Amino acid sequence: MILDKLIRQLLPHDDKFFSLLGESTNNLIMAGDLLKKLSLASSLRQQTNLVDEIKDLEHRGDSITHTIFSELNATFVTPLDREDIHLLTSALDDIMDHIDGSAQRVILYNIRKFPRELVQLCDVLALSIAELQRGVSLLKNLHETSRLQEVLERVNQYENDADVIFDRAVADLFKKEKNPIQLIKLKEMYVGLETATDKCEDAANILEGILIKHA
């Protein structure tokens, strides 16, 4: 691994992967912001428009992912290990898929008003994505270990916060919701958003692995 690192430092390589990963996280930032707006939308028309915008971002995210994978196959020397770039790209794509899936369920399940806990999960998810964006932007400067470590700690904290909100929300749902169909719908919404936050932590774990390799 030391030899691979030395070779990577000595040979010229293409830094386009940093830009492409940045595009992916920027796309996630926009999706997270739209999801927050969706959680507060007051009409079906607003919801539908926001869900359509999120779907457009999901398609854009797929295009960025495809481009990164294509560039990996075409590039001789990469700035980071190929496997790490592939794993991180896939993790970011997973977050986008769960955001899109959650947004689609709002329309499919006819959810016109988000419970407070759903709004909170959307907020926590957006905060976690913002930290991931900072983390990815630091990949060019892996010697700034303390800054990246702060990002990883915040993502982990947001994942813990989401777990607490999720557990409380599901407990209240089973205690108070009398309509079994509505219970199933809301529980799936909670699971989708909490899973998206889990995927943020997965991405942070990949960043941590990259940091360890290059420390």
C-alpha atoms as a PDB file:
ATOM      1  CA  MET A   1       0.000   0.000   0.000  1.00  0.00           C
ATOM      2  CA  ILE A   2       2.934   2.351   0.734  1.00  0.00           C
ATOM      3  CA  LEU A   3       4.380   1.640  -2.719  1.00  0.00           C
ATOM      4  CA  ASP A   4       1.012   2.297  -4.367  1.00  0.00           C
ATOM      5  CA  LYS A   5       0.750   5.584  -2.491  1.00  0.00           C
ATOM      6  CA  LEU A   6       4.251   6.614  -3.574  1.00  0.00           C
ATOM      7  CA  ILE A   7       3.557   5.758  -7.213  1.00  0.00           C
ATOM      8  CA  ARG A   8       0.310   7.714  -7.094  1.00  0.00           C
ATOM      9  CA  GLN A   9       2.139  10.759  -5.743  1.00  0.00           C
ATOM     10  CA  LEU A  10       4.915  10.624  -8.334  1.00  0.00           C
ATOM     11  CA  LEU A  11       2.864   9.975 -11.459  1.00  0.00           C
ATOM     12  CA  PRO A  12       0.632  12.648 -12.997  1.00  0.00           C
ATOM     13  CA  HIS A  13      -3.041  12.013 -12.388  1.00  0.00           C
ATOM     14  CA  ASP A  14      -6.358  13.520 -13.278  1.00  0.00           C
ATOM     15  CA  ASP A  15      -8.117  15.502 -10.541  1.00  0.00           C
ATOM     16  CA  LYS A  16     -11.472  15.454 -12.323  1.00  0.00           C
ATOM     17  CA  PHE A  17     -12.726  12.930  -9.773  1.00  0.00           C
ATOM     18  CA  PHE A  18     -12.686  15.580  -7.059  1.00  0.00           C
ATOM     19  CA  SER A  19     -14.863  17.816  -9.232  1.00  0.00           C
ATOM     20  CA  LEU A  20     -17.250  14.995 -10.086  1.00  0.00           C
ATOM     21  CA  LEU A  21     -17.615  13.952  -6.453  1.00  0.00           C
ATOM     22  CA  GLY A  22     -18.228  17.603  -5.635  1.00  0.00           C
ATOM     23  CA  GLU A  23     -20.988  17.672  -8.235  1.00  0.00           C
ATOM     24  CA  SER A  24     -22.535  14.615  -6.624  1.00  0.00           C
ATOM     25  CA  THR A  25     -22.594  16.183  -3.154  1.00  0.00           C
ATOM     26  CA  ASN A  26     -23.887  19.498  -4.539  1.00  0.00           C
ATOM     27  CA  ASN A  27     -26.700  17.539  -6.143  1.00  0.00           C
ATOM     28  CA  LEU A  28     -27.459  15.951  -2.780  1.00  0.00           C
ATOM     29  CA  ILE A  29     -27.490  19.357  -1.090  1.00  0.00           C
ATOM     30  CA  MET A  30     -30.179  20.539  -3.520  1.00  0.00           C
ATOM     31  CA  ALA A  31     -32.174  17.344  -3.016  1.00  0.00           C
ATOM     32  CA  GLY A  32     -31.982  17.690   0.762  1.00  0.00           C
ATOM     33  CA  ASP A  33     -33.188  21.287   0.579  1.00  0.00           C
ATOM     34  CA  LEU A  34     -36.105  20.277  -1.652  1.00  0.00           C
ATOM     35  CA  LEU A  35     -36.990  17.472   0.760  1.00  0.00           C
ATOM     36  CA  LYS A  36     -37.131  19.996   3.612  1.00  0.00           C
ATOM     37  CA  LYS A  37     -39.466  22.164   1.534  1.00  0.00           C
ATOM     38  CA  LEU A  38     -41.560  19.090   0.757  1.00  0.00           C
ATOM     39  CA  SER A  39     -41.916  18.345   4.464  1.00  0.00           C
ATOM     40  CA  LEU A  40     -43.535  21.769   4.915  1.00  0.00           C
ATOM     41  CA  ALA A  41     -45.554  21.930   1.673  1.00  0.00           C
ATOM     42  CA  SER A  42     -49.230  22.675   2.210  1.00  0.00           C
ATOM     43  CA  SER A  43     -50.832  21.634  -1.077  1.00  0.00           C
ATOM     44  CA  LEU A  44     -50.789  18.701  -3.479  1.00  0.00           C
ATOM     45  CA  ARG A  45     -49.556  20.960  -6.274  1.00  0.00           C
ATOM     46  CA  GLN A  46     -46.582  22.113  -4.198  1.00  0.00           C
ATOM     47  CA  GLN A  47     -45.800  18.554  -3.224  1.00  0.00           C
ATOM     48  CA  THR A  48     -46.014  17.282  -6.800  1.00  0.00           C
ATOM     49  CA  ASN A  49     -43.739  20.015  -8.125  1.00  0.00           C
ATOM     50  CA  LEU A  50     -41.145  19.359  -5.416  1.00  0.00           C
ATOM     51  CA  VAL A  51     -41.260  15.601  -5.941  1.00  0.00           C
ATOM     52  CA  ASP A  52     -40.731  16.123  -9.687  1.00  0.00           C
ATOM     53  CA  GLU A  53     -37.736  18.371  -8.973  1.00  0.00           C
ATOM     54  CA  ILE A  54     -36.235  15.740  -6.704  1.00  0.00           C
ATOM     55  CA  LYS A  55     -36.732  13.118  -9.422  1.00  0.00           C
ATOM     56  CA  ASP A  56     -34.838  15.359 -11.863  1.00  0.00           C
ATOM     57  CA  LEU A  57     -31.973  15.575  -9.377  1.00  0.00           C
ATOM     58  CA  GLU A  58     -32.034  11.805  -8.976  1.00  0.00           C
ATOM     59  CA  HIS A  59     -31.610  11.437 -12.743  1.00  0.00           C
ATOM     60  CA  ARG A  60     -28.768  13.962 -12.654  1.00  0.00           C
ATOM     61  CA  GLY A  61     -27.151  12.026  -9.818  1.00  0.00           C
ATOM     62  CA  ASP A  62     -27.343   8.823 -11.863  1.00  0.00           C
ATOM     63  CA  SER A  63     -25.630  10.618 -14.744  1.00  0.00           C
ATOM     64  CA  ILE A  64     -22.813  11.843 -12.470  1.00  0.00           C
ATOM     65  CA  THR A  65     -22.389   8.343 -11.051  1.00  0.00           C
ATOM     66  CA  HIS A  66     -22.196   6.847 -14.545  1.00  0.00           C
ATOM     67  CA  THR A  67     -19.606   9.453 -15.554  1.00  0.00           C
ATOM     68  CA  ILE A  68     -17.417   8.681 -12.541  1.00  0.00           C
ATOM     69  CA  PHE A  69     -17.541   4.951 -13.220  1.00  0.00           C
ATOM     70  CA  SER A  70     -16.692   5.527 -16.884  1.00  0.00           C
ATOM     71  CA  GLU A  71     -13.777   7.765 -15.966  1.00  0.00           C
ATOM     72  CA  LEU A  72     -12.482   5.150 -13.533  1.00  0.00           C
ATOM     73  CA  ASN A  73     -12.297   2.661 -16.393  1.00  0.00           C
ATOM     74  CA  ALA A  74     -10.556   5.176 -18.660  1.00  0.00           C
ATOM     75  CA  THR A  75      -8.048   6.721 -16.217  1.00  0.00           C
ATOM     76  CA  PHE A  76      -4.632   5.151 -15.657  1.00  0.00           C
ATOM     77  CA  VAL A  77      -3.690   6.872 -12.386  1.00  0.00           C
ATOM     78  CA  THR A  78      -6.374   8.112  -9.999  1.00  0.00           C
ATOM     79  CA  PRO A  79      -5.829  10.563  -7.102  1.00  0.00           C
ATOM     80  CA  LEU A  80      -7.359   8.063  -4.666  1.00  0.00           C
ATOM     81  CA  ASP A  81      -7.696   4.291  -4.742  1.00  0.00           C
ATOM     82  CA  ARG A  82     -10.134   3.214  -7.452  1.00  0.00           C
ATOM     83  CA  GLU A  83     -12.070   1.096  -4.992  1.00  0.00           C
ATOM     84  CA  ASP A  84     -12.496   4.042  -2.618  1.00  0.00           C
ATOM     85  CA  ILE A  85     -13.753   6.318  -5.389  1.00  0.00           C
ATOM     86  CA  HIS A  86     -16.165   3.605  -6.494  1.00  0.00           C
ATOM     87  CA  LEU A  87     -17.424   2.968  -2.950  1.00  0.00           C
ATOM     88  CA  LEU A  88     -17.857   6.656  -2.159  1.00  0.00           C
ATOM     89  CA  THR A  89     -19.672   7.300  -5.435  1.00  0.00           C
ATOM     90  CA  SER A  90     -22.025   4.385  -4.779  1.00  0.00           C
ATOM     91  CA  ALA A  91     -22.680   5.560  -1.211  1.00  0.00           C
ATOM     92  CA  LEU A  92     -23.602   9.063  -2.399  1.00  0.00           C
ATOM     93  CA  ASP A  93     -25.858   7.547  -5.053  1.00  0.00           C
ATOM     94  CA  ASP A  94     -27.582   5.448  -2.381  1.00  0.00           C
ATOM     95  CA  ILE A  95     -28.398   8.579  -0.371  1.00  0.00           C
ATOM     96  CA  MET A  96     -29.959  10.175  -3.436  1.00  0.00           C
ATOM     97  CA  ASP A  97     -32.008   7.055  -4.152  1.00  0.00           C
ATOM     98  CA  HIS A  98     -33.440   7.046  -0.625  1.00  0.00           C
ATOM     99  CA  ILE A  99     -34.286  10.749  -0.806  1.00  0.00           C
ATOM    100  CA  ASP A 100     -36.070  10.181  -4.105  1.00  0.00           C
ATOM    101  CA  GLY A 101     -37.843   7.093  -2.762  1.00  0.00           C
ATOM    102  CA  SER A 102     -39.085   8.996   0.275  1.00  0.00           C
ATOM    103  CA  ALA A 103     -40.294  11.866  -1.892  1.00  0.00           C
ATOM    104  CA  GLN A 104     -42.159   9.516  -4.235  1.00  0.00           C
ATOM    105  CA  ARG A 105     -43.968   7.905  -1.297  1.00  0.00           C
ATOM    106  CA  VAL A 106     -45.402  11.270  -0.271  1.00  0.00           C
ATOM    107  CA  ILE A 107     -47.491  11.272  -3.444  1.00  0.00           C
ATOM    108  CA  LEU A 108     -48.082   7.521  -3.638  1.00  0.00           C
ATOM    109  CA  TYR A 109     -49.276   7.349  -0.018  1.00  0.00           C
ATOM    110  CA  ASN A 110     -51.248  10.597  -0.193  1.00  0.00           C
ATOM    111  CA  ILE A 111     -49.441  12.135   2.789  1.00  0.00           C
ATOM    112  CA  ARG A 112     -50.652  15.722   2.930  1.00  0.00           C
ATOM    113  CA  LYS A 113     -49.146  16.750   6.264  1.00  0.00           C
ATOM    114  CA  PHE A 114     -45.822  15.597   7.642  1.00  0.00           C
ATOM    115  CA  PRO A 115     -45.794  14.632  11.323  1.00  0.00           C
ATOM    116  CA  ARG A 116     -43.302  16.631  13.375  1.00  0.00           C
ATOM    117  CA  GLU A 117     -40.849  13.723  13.527  1.00  0.00           C
ATOM    118  CA  LEU A 118     -40.787  13.396   9.733  1.00  0.00           C
ATOM    119  CA  VAL A 119     -39.920  17.083   9.460  1.00  0.00           C
ATOM    120  CA  GLN A 120     -37.157  16.588  12.028  1.00  0.00           C
ATOM    121  CA  LEU A 121     -35.715  13.637  10.102  1.00  0.00           C
ATOM    122  CA  CYS A 122     -35.633  15.739   6.925  1.00  0.00           C
ATOM    123  CA  ASP A 123     -33.772  18.480   8.817  1.00  0.00           C
ATOM    124  CA  VAL A 124     -31.222  16.071  10.284  1.00  0.00           C
ATOM    125  CA  LEU A 125     -30.676  14.453   6.886  1.00  0.00           C
ATOM    126  CA  ALA A 126     -29.987  17.843   5.288  1.00  0.00           C
ATOM    127  CA  LEU A 127     -27.462  18.653   8.025  1.00  0.00           C
ATOM    128  CA  SER A 128     -25.717  15.328   7.510  1.00  0.00           C
ATOM    129  CA  ILE A 129     -25.506  15.877   3.753  1.00  0.00           C
ATOM    130  CA  ALA A 130     -23.997  19.322   4.327  1.00  0.00           C
ATOM    131  CA  GLU A 131     -21.236  17.718   6.409  1.00  0.00           C
ATOM    132  CA  LEU A 132     -20.590  15.141   3.696  1.00  0.00           C
ATOM    133  CA  GLN A 133     -20.206  17.946   1.190  1.00  0.00           C
ATOM    134  CA  ARG A 134     -17.547  19.499   3.434  1.00  0.00           C
ATOM    135  CA  GLY A 135     -15.856  16.129   3.829  1.00  0.00           C
ATOM    136  CA  VAL A 136     -15.684  15.477   0.095  1.00  0.00           C
ATOM    137  CA  SER A 137     -14.308  18.986  -0.476  1.00  0.00           C
ATOM    138  CA  LEU A 138     -11.450  18.125   1.904  1.00  0.00           C
ATOM    139  CA  LEU A 139     -10.318  15.102  -0.095  1.00  0.00           C
ATOM    140  CA  LYS A 140      -7.844  17.299  -1.959  1.00  0.00           C
ATOM    141  CA  ASN A 141      -6.221  18.242   1.353  1.00  0.00           C
ATOM    142  CA  LEU A 142      -6.064  15.025   3.337  1.00  0.00           C
ATOM    143  CA  HIS A 143      -3.330  16.473   5.518  1.00  0.00           C
ATOM    144  CA  GLU A 144      -6.050  18.567   7.189  1.00  0.00           C
ATOM    145  CA  THR A 145      -6.994  15.573   9.279  1.00  0.00           C
ATOM    146  CA  SER A 146      -8.590  17.498  12.137  1.00  0.00           C
ATOM    147  CA  ARG A 147     -11.111  19.214   9.858  1.00  0.00           C
ATOM    148  CA  LEU A 148     -12.127  15.964   8.211  1.00  0.00           C
ATOM    149  CA  GLN A 149     -12.332  14.240  11.579  1.00  0.00           C
ATOM    150  CA  GLU A 150     -14.761  16.927  12.755  1.00  0.00           C
ATOM    151  CA  VAL A 151     -16.934  16.219   9.723  1.00  0.00           C
ATOM    152  CA  LEU A 152     -16.969  12.497  10.481  1.00  0.00           C
ATOM    153  CA  GLU A 153     -17.915  13.116  14.108  1.00  0.00           C
ATOM    154  CA  ARG A 154     -20.804  15.394  13.116  1.00  0.00           C
ATOM    155  CA  VAL A 155     -22.170  12.884  10.603  1.00  0.00           C
ATOM    156  CA  ASN A 156     -22.026  10.206  13.280  1.00  0.00           C
ATOM    157  CA  GLN A 157     -23.850  12.493  15.713  1.00  0.00           C
ATOM    158  CA  TYR A 158     -26.568  13.257  13.164  1.00  0.00           C
ATOM    159  CA  GLU A 159     -27.036   9.543  12.556  1.00  0.00           C
ATOM    160  CA  ASN A 160     -27.468   9.043  16.307  1.00  0.00           C
ATOM    161  CA  ASP A 161     -29.950  11.937  16.397  1.00  0.00           C
ATOM    162  CA  ALA A 162     -31.924  10.349  13.563  1.00  0.00           C
ATOM    163  CA  ASP A 163     -32.019   7.029  15.449  1.00  0.00           C
ATOM    164  CA  VAL A 164     -33.477   8.749  18.518  1.00  0.00           C
ATOM    165  CA  ILE A 165     -36.111  10.574  16.445  1.00  0.00           C
ATOM    166  CA  PHE A 166     -36.962   7.376  14.578  1.00  0.00           C
ATOM    167  CA  ASP A 167     -37.352   5.237  17.700  1.00  0.00           C
ATOM    168  CA  ARG A 168     -39.538   7.847  19.398  1.00  0.00           C
ATOM    169  CA  ALA A 169     -41.635   8.376  16.264  1.00  0.00           C
ATOM    170  CA  VAL A 170     -42.308   4.679  15.683  1.00  0.00           C
ATOM    171  CA  ALA A 171     -43.163   4.132  19.356  1.00  0.00           C
ATOM    172  CA  ASP A 172     -45.661   7.015  19.254  1.00  0.00           C
ATOM    173  CA  LEU A 173     -47.060   5.757  15.967  1.00  0.00           C
ATOM    174  CA  PHE A 174     -47.905   2.338  17.385  1.00  0.00           C
ATOM    175  CA  LYS A 175     -49.305   3.951  20.505  1.00  0.00           C
ATOM    176  CA  LYS A 176     -51.517   6.610  18.898  1.00  0.00           C
ATOM    177  CA  GLU A 177     -52.301   5.710  15.272  1.00  0.00           C
ATOM    178  CA  LYS A 178     -55.559   3.751  15.043  1.00  0.00           C
ATOM    179  CA  ASN A 179     -55.651   3.389  11.257  1.00  0.00           C
ATOM    180  CA  PRO A 180     -53.438   0.382  10.354  1.00  0.00           C
ATOM    181  CA  ILE A 181     -52.998   1.521   6.733  1.00  0.00           C
ATOM    182  CA  GLN A 182     -51.848   4.980   7.814  1.00  0.00           C
ATOM    183  CA  LEU A 183     -49.538   3.376  10.350  1.00  0.00           C
ATOM    184  CA  ILE A 184     -47.841   1.318   7.632  1.00  0.00           C
ATOM    185  CA  LYS A 185     -47.499   4.345   5.348  1.00  0.00           C
ATOM    186  CA  LEU A 186     -45.925   6.557   7.977  1.00  0.00           C
ATOM    187  CA  LYS A 187     -43.641   3.819   9.270  1.00  0.00           C
ATOM    188  CA  GLU A 188     -42.276   3.318   5.738  1.00  0.00           C
ATOM    189  CA  MET A 189     -41.652   7.053   5.493  1.00  0.00           C
ATOM    190  CA  TYR A 190     -39.761   7.006   8.783  1.00  0.00           C
ATOM    191  CA  VAL A 191     -37.713   3.997   7.667  1.00  0.00           C
ATOM    192  CA  GLY A 192     -36.815   5.602   4.323  1.00  0.00           C
ATOM    193  CA  LEU A 193     -35.555   8.828   5.868  1.00  0.00           C
ATOM    194  CA  GLU A 194     -33.725   7.120   8.716  1.00  0.00           C
ATOM    195  CA  THR A 195     -32.060   4.803   6.194  1.00  0.00           C
ATOM    196  CA  ALA A 196     -30.945   7.803   4.140  1.00  0.00           C
ATOM    197  CA  THR A 197     -29.194   9.123   7.246  1.00  0.00           C
ATOM    198  CA  ASP A 198     -27.604   5.706   7.770  1.00  0.00           C
ATOM    199  CA  LYS A 199     -26.281   5.917   4.212  1.00  0.00           C
ATOM    200  CA  CYS A 200     -24.696   9.270   5.073  1.00  0.00           C
ATOM    201  CA  GLU A 201     -22.806   7.543   7.849  1.00  0.00           C
ATOM    202  CA  ASP A 202     -21.754   4.814   5.385  1.00  0.00           C
ATOM    203  CA  ALA A 203     -20.296   7.526   3.145  1.00  0.00           C
ATOM    204  CA  ALA A 204     -18.545   9.092   6.147  1.00  0.00           C
ATOM    205  CA  ASN A 205     -17.032   5.706   7.023  1.00  0.00           C
ATOM    206  CA  ILE A 206     -15.590   5.513   3.510  1.00  0.00           C
ATOM    207  CA  LEU A 207     -14.124   8.999   3.944  1.00  0.00           C
ATOM    208  CA  GLU A 208     -12.592   7.848   7.215  1.00  0.00           C
ATOM    209  CA  GLY A 209     -11.030   4.844   5.467  1.00  0.00           C
ATOM    210  CA  ILE A 210      -9.515   7.154   2.847  1.00  0.00           C
ATOM    211  CA  LEU A 211      -8.180   9.411   5.606  1.00  0.00           C
ATOM    212  CA  ILE A 212      -6.529   6.469   7.373  1.00  0.00           C
ATOM    213  CA  LYS A 213      -4.886   5.270   4.154  1.00  0.00           C
ATOM    214  CA  HIS A 214      -3.450   8.676   3.337  1.00  0.00           C
ATOM    215  CA  ALA A 215      -2.552   9.844   6.860  1.00  0.00           C
END
